[in-house]
Amino acid sequence: MQSTGLFGKKFLDIQQVTRELPALGEEQVLVKVNACGVCGTDINFVRDWEDDPMPLGHEIAGEIVEVGKNVTSVAPGDHVIVEDCTMCGICPQCKSGQPQFCRTMHDIAGQSGMGQYMVVRYNSVNRFDGLEDQYACLTEPLAVSLTSVLHAQIPLGGSVVVLGDGPLGLMAAQLARLQGAGFVGITGLAADSPLSRARQQLAACMGCDMVVQIGKQSVEDEILGKFPEGVDRVIVTSPPESMYDAMKIIRYGGIITFFGLHFGGKNMVNVDINDLIFRKISLVPTFAEPAINFPVAFRLLRDGLIDAKALVTHTFGFDQAKEMMGAIVKGNQPIVKAVMLPHA
């Protein structure tokens, strides 16, 4: 069986590639992909990645078409969220209660989530109901934001600033409030483009207490003007250079969690180690492999505690992929979150 999927690299070189699917193994399932969200990593690939085209898409929701003979946990017709990296469950880290450190994960083997079908292991899927696929596919990015927010250990009534107003940042801001933050601020590029305006308007609607426009306002001046000693927590969802702002606004003994990446050479920052030591600042990275927190992330979406319908503003098919991703790169459309519907 063949499946067509999207692959991409620098300069919006986005290609439709048709490949033969691997034969279905005894412990594998065939999934029809109904929806796949566009992640910031996908945008990094089509904007900055210079090597061979990368498979695009890992925020996947779909339905089971066929199961291997040993699979009993799901059946054809079940709707599922697919994990792009699944803990093995048998390595020393998994068996010691630390699956987040698993290094023998099951993955999607180079298949494009922005494709028609895929073959994965049975334990890489999470069965769900009660939510449309185009919203359920937000489970993966929400789990990323959730993990970072949990790492932040937000104090009850504490102050939190989220750097970056993309979908992950907007979800992190909502989660920070759910975790008990008394103040939530967020930053984004100056609202000079339809995309930036849409995201900052949504941030305000979602209850952010302050929106700082980078390029027009100083993050340091705006935040320290309200919190002279700095804020309790900073969650960095934007590129690595944002760490400079994070370290300027964090209070003594504060925690900075971060997961913003860059594949175009801007992944290095200079850190004053003395400052971190003397001010007892904790830097806590988050890397979403293997996938964790999917069940609670889905529940938050299904129950409306995280507003998926407000986040997903655009959907598209194969033929609109280059236009849609180009619009995200250029910021010339009011896109908050775009989701591909391969069979629409």
C-alpha atoms as a PDB file:
ATOM      1  CA  MET A   1       0.000   0.000   0.000  1.00  0.00           C
ATOM      2  CA  GLN A   2       1.239   3.463  -0.872  1.00  0.00           C
ATOM      3  CA  SER A   3       0.869   6.763   0.951  1.00  0.00           C
ATOM      4  CA  THR A   4       1.609  10.321  -0.142  1.00  0.00           C
ATOM      5  CA  GLY A   5       3.131  12.683   2.408  1.00  0.00           C
ATOM      6  CA  LEU A   6       4.870  16.036   2.631  1.00  0.00           C
ATOM      7  CA  PHE A   7       8.625  16.516   2.961  1.00  0.00           C
ATOM      8  CA  GLY A   8      10.417  19.841   3.122  1.00  0.00           C
ATOM      9  CA  LYS A   9      13.590  21.855   3.517  1.00  0.00           C
ATOM     10  CA  LYS A  10      14.896  25.413   3.237  1.00  0.00           C
ATOM     11  CA  PHE A  11      13.300  28.022   0.988  1.00  0.00           C
ATOM     12  CA  LEU A  12       9.842  26.451   1.275  1.00  0.00           C
ATOM     13  CA  ASP A  13      10.948  23.477  -0.790  1.00  0.00           C
ATOM     14  CA  ILE A  14       7.878  21.358   0.034  1.00  0.00           C
ATOM     15  CA  GLN A  15       7.469  18.113  -1.883  1.00  0.00           C
ATOM     16  CA  GLN A  16       4.686  15.551  -2.156  1.00  0.00           C
ATOM     17  CA  VAL A  17       6.375  12.163  -1.956  1.00  0.00           C
ATOM     18  CA  THR A  18       4.618   8.848  -2.523  1.00  0.00           C
ATOM     19  CA  ARG A  19       6.168   5.865  -0.770  1.00  0.00           C
ATOM     20  CA  GLU A  20       5.330   2.249  -0.142  1.00  0.00           C
ATOM     21  CA  LEU A  21       4.177   1.694   3.427  1.00  0.00           C
ATOM     22  CA  PRO A  22       5.979  -0.980   5.427  1.00  0.00           C
ATOM     23  CA  ALA A  23       4.184  -4.291   5.737  1.00  0.00           C
ATOM     24  CA  LEU A  24       1.914  -4.405   8.765  1.00  0.00           C
ATOM     25  CA  GLY A  25       3.631  -6.250  11.609  1.00  0.00           C
ATOM     26  CA  GLU A  26       1.938  -8.399  14.239  1.00  0.00           C
ATOM     27  CA  GLU A  27       2.064  -5.574  16.810  1.00  0.00           C
ATOM     28  CA  GLN A  28       1.451  -2.686  14.454  1.00  0.00           C
ATOM     29  CA  VAL A  29      -1.565  -0.741  13.245  1.00  0.00           C
ATOM     30  CA  LEU A  30      -2.421   1.039  10.006  1.00  0.00           C
ATOM     31  CA  VAL A  31      -3.684   4.570  10.651  1.00  0.00           C
ATOM     32  CA  LYS A  32      -5.567   6.810   8.256  1.00  0.00           C
ATOM     33  CA  VAL A  33      -4.377  10.328   9.087  1.00  0.00           C
ATOM     34  CA  ASN A  34      -7.329  12.687   9.346  1.00  0.00           C
ATOM     35  CA  ALA A  35      -5.531  15.747  10.735  1.00  0.00           C
ATOM     36  CA  CYS A  36      -1.974  16.890  11.385  1.00  0.00           C
ATOM     37  CA  GLY A  37      -1.008  20.204  12.936  1.00  0.00           C
ATOM     38  CA  VAL A  38       1.774  22.434  11.649  1.00  0.00           C
ATOM     39  CA  CYS A  39       4.451  22.667  14.339  1.00  0.00           C
ATOM     40  CA  GLY A  40       7.125  25.319  14.735  1.00  0.00           C
ATOM     41  CA  THR A  41       9.619  22.558  13.970  1.00  0.00           C
ATOM     42  CA  ASP A  42       8.001  22.064  10.558  1.00  0.00           C
ATOM     43  CA  ILE A  43       8.329  25.801   9.922  1.00  0.00           C
ATOM     44  CA  ASN A  44      11.981  25.652  10.990  1.00  0.00           C
ATOM     45  CA  PHE A  45      12.553  22.874   8.462  1.00  0.00           C
ATOM     46  CA  VAL A  46      10.956  24.659   5.482  1.00  0.00           C
ATOM     47  CA  ARG A  47      12.642  27.935   6.389  1.00  0.00           C
ATOM     48  CA  ASP A  48      16.126  26.877   7.522  1.00  0.00           C
ATOM     49  CA  TRP A  49      16.900  23.159   6.996  1.00  0.00           C
ATOM     50  CA  GLU A  50      19.622  22.740   4.339  1.00  0.00           C
ATOM     51  CA  ASP A  51      20.120  18.969   4.117  1.00  0.00           C
ATOM     52  CA  ASP A  52      17.814  16.320   2.624  1.00  0.00           C
ATOM     53  CA  PRO A  53      14.084  17.101   2.887  1.00  0.00           C
ATOM     54  CA  MET A  54      12.632  16.210   6.265  1.00  0.00           C
ATOM     55  CA  PRO A  55       9.282  14.452   6.797  1.00  0.00           C
ATOM     56  CA  LEU A  56       6.767  17.054   7.893  1.00  0.00           C
ATOM     57  CA  GLY A  57       4.167  16.626  10.582  1.00  0.00           C
ATOM     58  CA  HIS A  58       4.034  14.837  13.932  1.00  0.00           C
ATOM     59  CA  GLU A  59       0.851  16.236  15.532  1.00  0.00           C
ATOM     60  CA  ILE A  60      -1.370  13.440  14.300  1.00  0.00           C
ATOM     61  CA  ALA A  61      -4.963  12.350  14.765  1.00  0.00           C
ATOM     62  CA  GLY A  62      -6.713   9.732  12.673  1.00  0.00           C
ATOM     63  CA  GLU A  63      -8.454   6.386  12.717  1.00  0.00           C
ATOM     64  CA  ILE A  64      -7.444   2.756  12.761  1.00  0.00           C
ATOM     65  CA  VAL A  65      -7.850   0.976   9.410  1.00  0.00           C
ATOM     66  CA  GLU A  66      -6.208  -2.361  10.168  1.00  0.00           C
ATOM     67  CA  VAL A  67      -4.461  -4.029  13.108  1.00  0.00           C
ATOM     68  CA  GLY A  68      -1.799  -6.698  13.396  1.00  0.00           C
ATOM     69  CA  LYS A  69      -2.859 -10.123  14.620  1.00  0.00           C
ATOM     70  CA  ASN A  70      -1.509  -9.560  18.161  1.00  0.00           C
ATOM     71  CA  VAL A  71      -3.186  -6.171  18.662  1.00  0.00           C
ATOM     72  CA  THR A  72      -6.184  -6.123  20.998  1.00  0.00           C
ATOM     73  CA  SER A  73      -6.081  -2.587  22.464  1.00  0.00           C
ATOM     74  CA  VAL A  74      -7.580  -0.882  19.408  1.00  0.00           C
ATOM     75  CA  ALA A  75      -9.779  -1.945  16.507  1.00  0.00           C
ATOM     76  CA  PRO A  76     -10.607  -0.664  13.026  1.00  0.00           C
ATOM     77  CA  GLY A  77     -12.736   2.463  13.259  1.00  0.00           C
ATOM     78  CA  ASP A  78     -11.217   3.699  16.536  1.00  0.00           C
ATOM     79  CA  HIS A  79     -10.057   7.301  16.499  1.00  0.00           C
ATOM     80  CA  VAL A  80      -6.506   7.690  17.780  1.00  0.00           C
ATOM     81  CA  ILE A  81      -3.799  10.236  18.462  1.00  0.00           C
ATOM     82  CA  VAL A  82      -0.392   9.038  17.272  1.00  0.00           C
ATOM     83  CA  GLU A  83       2.753   9.590  19.328  1.00  0.00           C
ATOM     84  CA  ASP A  84       5.810  10.387  17.233  1.00  0.00           C
ATOM     85  CA  CYS A  85       8.126   8.867  19.867  1.00  0.00           C
ATOM     86  CA  THR A  86       6.943   6.225  22.315  1.00  0.00           C
ATOM     87  CA  MET A  87       8.829   4.978  25.359  1.00  0.00           C
ATOM     88  CA  CYS A  88       9.935   1.356  25.014  1.00  0.00           C
ATOM     89  CA  GLY A  89       8.765   0.330  28.495  1.00  0.00           C
ATOM     90  CA  ILE A  90      11.540  -2.217  29.011  1.00  0.00           C
ATOM     91  CA  CYS A  91      14.827  -0.297  29.258  1.00  0.00           C
ATOM     92  CA  PRO A  92      16.424   0.467  32.656  1.00  0.00           C
ATOM     93  CA  GLN A  93      15.137   4.058  32.547  1.00  0.00           C
ATOM     94  CA  CYS A  94      11.542   3.025  31.833  1.00  0.00           C
ATOM     95  CA  LYS A  95      11.642   0.298  34.476  1.00  0.00           C
ATOM     96  CA  SER A  96      13.100   2.741  37.012  1.00  0.00           C
ATOM     97  CA  GLY A  97      10.111   5.058  36.665  1.00  0.00           C
ATOM     98  CA  GLN A  98      11.906   7.570  34.447  1.00  0.00           C
ATOM     99  CA  PRO A  99      10.522   6.922  30.951  1.00  0.00           C
ATOM    100  CA  GLN A 100      11.365  10.497  29.960  1.00  0.00           C
ATOM    101  CA  PHE A 101      14.974   9.313  29.706  1.00  0.00           C
ATOM    102  CA  CYS A 102      14.220   6.329  27.447  1.00  0.00           C
ATOM    103  CA  ARG A 103      16.721   6.068  24.600  1.00  0.00           C
ATOM    104  CA  THR A 104      15.282   3.019  22.839  1.00  0.00           C
ATOM    105  CA  MET A 105      12.014   4.595  21.752  1.00  0.00           C
ATOM    106  CA  HIS A 106       9.616   3.511  19.057  1.00  0.00           C
ATOM    107  CA  ASP A 107       9.143   6.240  16.451  1.00  0.00           C
ATOM    108  CA  ILE A 108       7.273   6.834  13.208  1.00  0.00           C
ATOM    109  CA  ALA A 109      10.250   5.662  11.139  1.00  0.00           C
ATOM    110  CA  GLY A 110      10.577   8.643   8.820  1.00  0.00           C
ATOM    111  CA  GLN A 111       6.931   8.661   7.820  1.00  0.00           C
ATOM    112  CA  SER A 112       5.285  12.018   7.249  1.00  0.00           C
ATOM    113  CA  GLY A 113       2.489  12.876   9.647  1.00  0.00           C
ATOM    114  CA  MET A 114       1.242  15.226   6.940  1.00  0.00           C
ATOM    115  CA  GLY A 115       0.360  12.234   4.845  1.00  0.00           C
ATOM    116  CA  GLN A 116      -2.471   9.884   4.037  1.00  0.00           C
ATOM    117  CA  TYR A 117      -1.588   6.770   6.036  1.00  0.00           C
ATOM    118  CA  MET A 118       1.081   5.475   8.381  1.00  0.00           C
ATOM    119  CA  VAL A 119       2.088   2.244  10.096  1.00  0.00           C
ATOM    120  CA  VAL A 120       3.032   2.465  13.791  1.00  0.00           C
ATOM    121  CA  ARG A 121       3.223   0.226  16.857  1.00  0.00           C
ATOM    122  CA  TYR A 122       0.004  -0.388  18.740  1.00  0.00           C
ATOM    123  CA  ASN A 123       1.324   1.316  21.884  1.00  0.00           C
ATOM    124  CA  SER A 124       2.092   4.501  19.939  1.00  0.00           C
ATOM    125  CA  VAL A 125      -1.612   5.313  19.600  1.00  0.00           C
ATOM    126  CA  ASN A 126      -4.007   6.804  22.139  1.00  0.00           C
ATOM    127  CA  ARG A 127      -7.660   6.003  21.558  1.00  0.00           C
ATOM    128  CA  PHE A 128     -10.060   8.937  22.000  1.00  0.00           C
ATOM    129  CA  ASP A 129     -13.583  10.146  21.425  1.00  0.00           C
ATOM    130  CA  GLY A 130     -15.549  13.297  22.121  1.00  0.00           C
ATOM    131  CA  LEU A 131     -13.497  15.678  19.956  1.00  0.00           C
ATOM    132  CA  GLU A 132     -13.041  16.247  16.232  1.00  0.00           C
ATOM    133  CA  ASP A 133      -9.729  15.108  14.777  1.00  0.00           C
ATOM    134  CA  GLN A 134      -8.668  18.604  13.694  1.00  0.00           C
ATOM    135  CA  TYR A 135      -8.747  19.654  17.349  1.00  0.00           C
ATOM    136  CA  ALA A 136      -7.582  16.364  18.855  1.00  0.00           C
ATOM    137  CA  CYS A 137      -4.298  16.659  16.943  1.00  0.00           C
ATOM    138  CA  LEU A 138      -3.396  19.506  19.319  1.00  0.00           C
ATOM    139  CA  THR A 139      -2.776  16.849  21.970  1.00  0.00           C
ATOM    140  CA  GLU A 140       0.889  16.507  21.024  1.00  0.00           C
ATOM    141  CA  PRO A 141       1.802  20.216  21.141  1.00  0.00           C
ATOM    142  CA  LEU A 142      -0.304  20.718  24.258  1.00  0.00           C
ATOM    143  CA  ALA A 143       1.607  17.892  25.939  1.00  0.00           C
ATOM    144  CA  VAL A 144       4.861  19.714  25.095  1.00  0.00           C
ATOM    145  CA  SER A 145       3.621  22.936  26.682  1.00  0.00           C
ATOM    146  CA  LEU A 146       2.199  21.016  29.632  1.00  0.00           C
ATOM    147  CA  THR A 147       5.475  19.274  30.360  1.00  0.00           C
ATOM    148  CA  SER A 148       7.319  22.597  30.374  1.00  0.00           C
ATOM    149  CA  VAL A 149       4.710  24.204  32.645  1.00  0.00           C
ATOM    150  CA  LEU A 150       4.910  21.272  35.059  1.00  0.00           C
ATOM    151  CA  HIS A 151       8.716  21.569  35.097  1.00  0.00           C
ATOM    152  CA  ALA A 152       8.309  25.232  36.039  1.00  0.00           C
ATOM    153  CA  GLN A 153       6.718  24.329  39.382  1.00  0.00           C
ATOM    154  CA  ILE A 154       4.592  27.485  39.366  1.00  0.00           C
ATOM    155  CA  PRO A 155       3.865  28.740  42.893  1.00  0.00           C
ATOM    156  CA  LEU A 156       0.224  29.354  43.777  1.00  0.00           C
ATOM    157  CA  GLY A 157      -0.599  32.912  42.802  1.00  0.00           C
ATOM    158  CA  GLY A 158       2.859  33.331  41.286  1.00  0.00           C
ATOM    159  CA  SER A 159       3.971  35.458  38.361  1.00  0.00           C
ATOM    160  CA  VAL A 160       4.729  33.841  35.000  1.00  0.00           C
ATOM    161  CA  VAL A 161       5.921  35.275  31.689  1.00  0.00           C
ATOM    162  CA  VAL A 162       5.713  33.191  28.528  1.00  0.00           C
ATOM    163  CA  LEU A 163       8.147  34.231  25.809  1.00  0.00           C
ATOM    164  CA  GLY A 164       6.568  33.586  22.415  1.00  0.00           C
ATOM    165  CA  ASP A 165       2.923  33.852  21.372  1.00  0.00           C
ATOM    166  CA  GLY A 166       2.796  30.952  18.937  1.00  0.00           C
ATOM    167  CA  PRO A 167       0.370  28.083  19.589  1.00  0.00           C
ATOM    168  CA  LEU A 168       2.731  26.497  22.135  1.00  0.00           C
ATOM    169  CA  GLY A 169       3.148  29.793  23.945  1.00  0.00           C
ATOM    170  CA  LEU A 170      -0.577  30.500  23.976  1.00  0.00           C
ATOM    171  CA  MET A 171      -1.262  27.046  25.376  1.00  0.00           C
ATOM    172  CA  ALA A 172       1.517  27.447  27.945  1.00  0.00           C
ATOM    173  CA  ALA A 173      -0.094  30.690  29.099  1.00  0.00           C
ATOM    174  CA  GLN A 174      -3.470  28.988  29.548  1.00  0.00           C
ATOM    175  CA  LEU A 175      -1.828  26.106  31.372  1.00  0.00           C
ATOM    176  CA  ALA A 176       0.071  28.453  33.679  1.00  0.00           C
ATOM    177  CA  ARG A 177      -3.244  29.951  34.715  1.00  0.00           C
ATOM    178  CA  LEU A 178      -4.694  26.495  35.295  1.00  0.00           C
ATOM    179  CA  GLN A 179      -1.651  25.691  37.433  1.00  0.00           C
ATOM    180  CA  GLY A 180      -2.448  28.588  39.732  1.00  0.00           C
ATOM    181  CA  ALA A 181      -0.495  31.552  38.371  1.00  0.00           C
ATOM    182  CA  GLY A 182      -1.827  34.895  39.587  1.00  0.00           C
ATOM    183  CA  PHE A 183      -0.196  36.854  36.749  1.00  0.00           C
ATOM    184  CA  VAL A 184       0.499  35.645  33.216  1.00  0.00           C
ATOM    185  CA  GLY A 185       2.312  37.805  30.679  1.00  0.00           C
ATOM    186  CA  ILE A 186       3.258  36.883  27.132  1.00  0.00           C
ATOM    187  CA  THR A 187       5.559  38.314  24.479  1.00  0.00           C
ATOM    188  CA  GLY A 188       5.352  38.347  20.696  1.00  0.00           C
ATOM    189  CA  LEU A 189       6.730  40.189  17.721  1.00  0.00           C
ATOM    190  CA  ALA A 190       5.377  43.691  17.176  1.00  0.00           C
ATOM    191  CA  ALA A 191       1.791  43.445  15.942  1.00  0.00           C
ATOM    192  CA  ASP A 192       2.628  44.747  12.475  1.00  0.00           C
ATOM    193  CA  SER A 193       1.443  41.643  10.628  1.00  0.00           C
ATOM    194  CA  PRO A 194      -1.909  39.847  10.431  1.00  0.00           C
ATOM    195  CA  LEU A 195      -0.378  36.778  12.092  1.00  0.00           C
ATOM    196  CA  SER A 196       1.071  38.710  15.050  1.00  0.00           C
ATOM    197  CA  ARG A 197      -2.127  40.685  15.548  1.00  0.00           C
ATOM    198  CA  ALA A 198      -4.266  37.538  15.538  1.00  0.00           C
ATOM    199  CA  ARG A 199      -2.068  35.807  18.099  1.00  0.00           C
ATOM    200  CA  GLN A 200      -1.854  38.768  20.439  1.00  0.00           C
ATOM    201  CA  GLN A 201      -5.587  39.402  20.257  1.00  0.00           C
ATOM    202  CA  LEU A 202      -6.157  35.764  21.173  1.00  0.00           C
ATOM    203  CA  ALA A 203      -3.659  36.042  24.041  1.00  0.00           C
ATOM    204  CA  ALA A 204      -5.701  38.905  25.483  1.00  0.00           C
ATOM    205  CA  CYS A 205      -8.948  36.966  25.014  1.00  0.00           C
ATOM    206  CA  MET A 206      -7.399  33.979  26.766  1.00  0.00           C
ATOM    207  CA  GLY A 207      -6.731  36.042  29.855  1.00  0.00           C
ATOM    208  CA  CYS A 208      -3.107  37.117  29.558  1.00  0.00           C
ATOM    209  CA  ASP A 209      -2.582  40.094  31.869  1.00  0.00           C
ATOM    210  CA  MET A 210       0.098  41.704  29.715  1.00  0.00           C
ATOM    211  CA  VAL A 211       1.173  41.386  26.083  1.00  0.00           C
ATOM    212  CA  VAL A 212       4.623  42.790  25.301  1.00  0.00           C
ATOM    213  CA  GLN A 213       5.409  43.573  21.659  1.00  0.00           C
ATOM    214  CA  ILE A 214       9.058  42.844  20.930  1.00  0.00           C
ATOM    215  CA  GLY A 215      10.479  45.513  18.652  1.00  0.00           C
ATOM    216  CA  LYS A 216       8.186  48.191  20.022  1.00  0.00           C
ATOM    217  CA  GLN A 217       8.583  47.533  23.733  1.00  0.00           C
ATOM    218  CA  SER A 218      11.421  46.361  25.955  1.00  0.00           C
ATOM    219  CA  VAL A 219      10.591  43.083  27.671  1.00  0.00           C
ATOM    220  CA  GLU A 220      12.911  44.003  30.512  1.00  0.00           C
ATOM    221  CA  ASP A 221      11.397  47.465  31.041  1.00  0.00           C
ATOM    222  CA  GLU A 222       7.779  46.306  30.798  1.00  0.00           C
ATOM    223  CA  ILE A 223       8.121  43.323  33.129  1.00  0.00           C
ATOM    224  CA  LEU A 224      10.465  44.871  35.686  1.00  0.00           C
ATOM    225  CA  GLY A 225       8.271  47.949  35.721  1.00  0.00           C
ATOM    226  CA  LYS A 226       5.552  45.735  37.217  1.00  0.00           C
ATOM    227  CA  PHE A 227       7.777  43.263  39.077  1.00  0.00           C
ATOM    228  CA  PRO A 228      10.956  45.121  40.100  1.00  0.00           C
ATOM    229  CA  GLU A 229      12.484  41.966  41.608  1.00  0.00           C
ATOM    230  CA  GLY A 230      11.599  39.878  38.578  1.00  0.00           C
ATOM    231  CA  VAL A 231       8.958  37.226  37.977  1.00  0.00           C
ATOM    232  CA  ASP A 232       8.767  33.809  39.579  1.00  0.00           C
ATOM    233  CA  ARG A 233       8.854  31.788  36.378  1.00  0.00           C
ATOM    234  CA  VAL A 234       9.672  32.257  32.682  1.00  0.00           C
ATOM    235  CA  ILE A 235       8.617  29.752  30.025  1.00  0.00           C
ATOM    236  CA  VAL A 236      10.541  30.169  26.764  1.00  0.00           C
ATOM    237  CA  THR A 237       8.710  28.873  23.701  1.00  0.00           C
ATOM    238  CA  SER A 238      10.428  31.240  21.235  1.00  0.00           C
ATOM    239  CA  PRO A 239      13.906  30.839  19.658  1.00  0.00           C
ATOM    240  CA  PRO A 240      17.034  30.477  21.832  1.00  0.00           C
ATOM    241  CA  GLU A 241      17.999  34.166  21.673  1.00  0.00           C
ATOM    242  CA  SER A 242      14.919  34.820  23.836  1.00  0.00           C
ATOM    243  CA  MET A 243      16.911  33.399  26.739  1.00  0.00           C
ATOM    244  CA  TYR A 244      18.580  36.804  27.098  1.00  0.00           C
ATOM    245  CA  ASP A 245      15.231  38.377  27.976  1.00  0.00           C
ATOM    246  CA  ALA A 246      14.377  35.447  30.239  1.00  0.00           C
ATOM    247  CA  MET A 247      17.513  35.917  32.318  1.00  0.00           C
ATOM    248  CA  LYS A 248      16.876  39.662  32.656  1.00  0.00           C
ATOM    249  CA  ILE A 249      13.365  39.263  34.075  1.00  0.00           C
ATOM    250  CA  ILE A 250      13.647  36.185  36.295  1.00  0.00           C
ATOM    251  CA  ARG A 251      13.792  36.789  40.047  1.00  0.00           C
ATOM    252  CA  TYR A 252      16.346  35.467  42.522  1.00  0.00           C
ATOM    253  CA  GLY A 253      15.759  31.720  42.880  1.00  0.00           C
ATOM    254  CA  GLY A 254      13.439  31.611  39.864  1.00  0.00           C
ATOM    255  CA  ILE A 255      13.032  28.872  37.276  1.00  0.00           C
ATOM    256  CA  ILE A 256      13.298  29.232  33.497  1.00  0.00           C
ATOM    257  CA  THR A 257      11.920  26.374  31.412  1.00  0.00           C
ATOM    258  CA  PHE A 258      12.607  26.391  27.692  1.00  0.00           C
ATOM    259  CA  PHE A 259      12.034  24.433  24.515  1.00  0.00           C
ATOM    260  CA  GLY A 260      12.377  26.926  21.646  1.00  0.00           C
ATOM    261  CA  LEU A 261      14.661  25.644  18.855  1.00  0.00           C
ATOM    262  CA  HIS A 262      16.429  27.114  15.829  1.00  0.00           C
ATOM    263  CA  PHE A 263      17.898  25.207  12.864  1.00  0.00           C
ATOM    264  CA  GLY A 264      19.350  28.191  11.015  1.00  0.00           C
ATOM    265  CA  GLY A 265      22.465  28.745  13.117  1.00  0.00           C
ATOM    266  CA  LYS A 266      20.923  30.846  15.891  1.00  0.00           C
ATOM    267  CA  ASN A 267      20.912  28.097  18.487  1.00  0.00           C
ATOM    268  CA  MET A 268      23.832  29.467  20.545  1.00  0.00           C
ATOM    269  CA  VAL A 269      23.506  31.933  23.431  1.00  0.00           C
ATOM    270  CA  ASN A 270      26.082  33.330  25.853  1.00  0.00           C
ATOM    271  CA  VAL A 271      25.272  32.570  29.480  1.00  0.00           C
ATOM    272  CA  ASP A 272      26.742  34.319  32.518  1.00  0.00           C
ATOM    273  CA  ILE A 273      27.327  31.324  34.752  1.00  0.00           C
ATOM    274  CA  ASN A 274      28.298  33.526  37.684  1.00  0.00           C
ATOM    275  CA  ASP A 275      24.945  35.294  37.481  1.00  0.00           C
ATOM    276  CA  LEU A 276      23.060  31.981  37.421  1.00  0.00           C
ATOM    277  CA  ILE A 277      24.986  30.733  40.436  1.00  0.00           C
ATOM    278  CA  PHE A 278      24.814  33.898  42.515  1.00  0.00           C
ATOM    279  CA  ARG A 279      21.094  34.384  41.810  1.00  0.00           C
ATOM    280  CA  LYS A 280      20.320  30.668  42.134  1.00  0.00           C
ATOM    281  CA  ILE A 281      18.514  30.547  38.774  1.00  0.00           C
ATOM    282  CA  SER A 282      17.441  27.123  37.476  1.00  0.00           C
ATOM    283  CA  LEU A 283      17.409  26.442  33.730  1.00  0.00           C
ATOM    284  CA  VAL A 284      15.186  23.462  32.898  1.00  0.00           C
ATOM    285  CA  PRO A 285      15.006  22.301  29.256  1.00  0.00           C
ATOM    286  CA  THR A 286      12.046  20.380  27.888  1.00  0.00           C
ATOM    287  CA  PHE A 287      12.376  17.939  24.999  1.00  0.00           C
ATOM    288  CA  ALA A 288       9.218  16.089  24.013  1.00  0.00           C
ATOM    289  CA  GLU A 289      10.750  12.679  23.360  1.00  0.00           C
ATOM    290  CA  PRO A 290       9.370  10.267  24.289  1.00  0.00           C
ATOM    291  CA  ALA A 291       5.776  11.449  24.305  1.00  0.00           C
ATOM    292  CA  ILE A 292       4.338  11.900  27.780  1.00  0.00           C
ATOM    293  CA  ASN A 293       1.254  13.556  29.268  1.00  0.00           C
ATOM    294  CA  PHE A 294      -0.943  12.740  26.251  1.00  0.00           C
ATOM    295  CA  PRO A 295      -3.950  11.514  28.300  1.00  0.00           C
ATOM    296  CA  VAL A 296      -4.204  14.638  30.447  1.00  0.00           C
ATOM    297  CA  ALA A 297      -3.479  16.902  27.455  1.00  0.00           C
ATOM    298  CA  PHE A 298      -6.332  15.346  25.503  1.00  0.00           C
ATOM    299  CA  ARG A 299      -8.687  15.645  28.465  1.00  0.00           C
ATOM    300  CA  LEU A 300      -7.915  19.353  28.762  1.00  0.00           C
ATOM    301  CA  LEU A 301      -8.818  19.796  25.089  1.00  0.00           C
ATOM    302  CA  ARG A 302     -11.933  17.640  25.200  1.00  0.00           C
ATOM    303  CA  ASP A 303     -13.264  19.382  28.301  1.00  0.00           C
ATOM    304  CA  GLY A 304     -12.613  22.843  26.894  1.00  0.00           C
ATOM    305  CA  LEU A 305     -10.082  23.859  29.531  1.00  0.00           C
ATOM    306  CA  ILE A 306      -7.749  24.606  26.636  1.00  0.00           C
ATOM    307  CA  ASP A 307      -9.690  26.238  23.805  1.00  0.00           C
ATOM    308  CA  ALA A 308      -8.769  24.198  20.733  1.00  0.00           C
ATOM    309  CA  LYS A 309     -11.430  25.796  18.551  1.00  0.00           C
ATOM    310  CA  ALA A 310     -10.000  29.260  19.194  1.00  0.00           C
ATOM    311  CA  LEU A 311      -6.468  28.062  18.416  1.00  0.00           C
ATOM    312  CA  VAL A 312      -7.158  26.250  15.123  1.00  0.00           C
ATOM    313  CA  THR A 313      -7.834  29.092  12.705  1.00  0.00           C
ATOM    314  CA  HIS A 314      -6.883  27.498   9.363  1.00  0.00           C
ATOM    315  CA  THR A 315      -7.049  24.101   7.674  1.00  0.00           C
ATOM    316  CA  PHE A 316      -5.554  23.063   4.338  1.00  0.00           C
ATOM    317  CA  GLY A 317      -4.897  20.140   2.005  1.00  0.00           C
ATOM    318  CA  PHE A 318      -1.906  18.960  -0.010  1.00  0.00           C
ATOM    319  CA  ASP A 319      -2.224  21.573  -2.734  1.00  0.00           C
ATOM    320  CA  GLN A 320      -2.324  24.475  -0.266  1.00  0.00           C
ATOM    321  CA  ALA A 321       0.629  23.329   1.861  1.00  0.00           C
ATOM    322  CA  LYS A 322       3.295  25.604   0.377  1.00  0.00           C
ATOM    323  CA  GLU A 323       0.988  28.609   0.439  1.00  0.00           C
ATOM    324  CA  MET A 324      -0.036  27.967   4.044  1.00  0.00           C
ATOM    325  CA  MET A 325       3.476  27.416   5.384  1.00  0.00           C
ATOM    326  CA  GLY A 326       4.731  30.381   3.404  1.00  0.00           C
ATOM    327  CA  ALA A 327       2.048  32.527   5.013  1.00  0.00           C
ATOM    328  CA  ILE A 328       3.179  31.386   8.456  1.00  0.00           C
ATOM    329  CA  VAL A 329       6.796  32.265   7.619  1.00  0.00           C
ATOM    330  CA  LYS A 330       5.828  35.666   6.188  1.00  0.00           C
ATOM    331  CA  GLY A 331       3.111  36.419   8.736  1.00  0.00           C
ATOM    332  CA  ASN A 332       0.789  37.783   6.083  1.00  0.00           C
ATOM    333  CA  GLN A 333      -2.332  35.897   7.201  1.00  0.00           C
ATOM    334  CA  PRO A 334      -4.023  35.831  10.643  1.00  0.00           C
ATOM    335  CA  ILE A 335      -2.939  32.264  11.365  1.00  0.00           C
ATOM    336  CA  VAL A 336      -2.786  31.068  14.944  1.00  0.00           C
ATOM    337  CA  LYS A 337      -2.692  27.312  14.315  1.00  0.00           C
ATOM    338  CA  ALA A 338      -2.900  25.598  10.935  1.00  0.00           C
ATOM    339  CA  VAL A 339      -3.927  21.964  10.561  1.00  0.00           C
ATOM    340  CA  MET A 340      -3.560  19.794   7.479  1.00  0.00           C
ATOM    341  CA  LEU A 341      -6.499  17.576   6.489  1.00  0.00           C
ATOM    342  CA  PRO A 342      -4.940  15.025   4.094  1.00  0.00           C
ATOM    343  CA  HIS A 343      -8.253  13.567   2.905  1.00  0.00           C
ATOM    344  CA  ALA A 344     -10.335  16.745   2.711  1.00  0.00           C
END
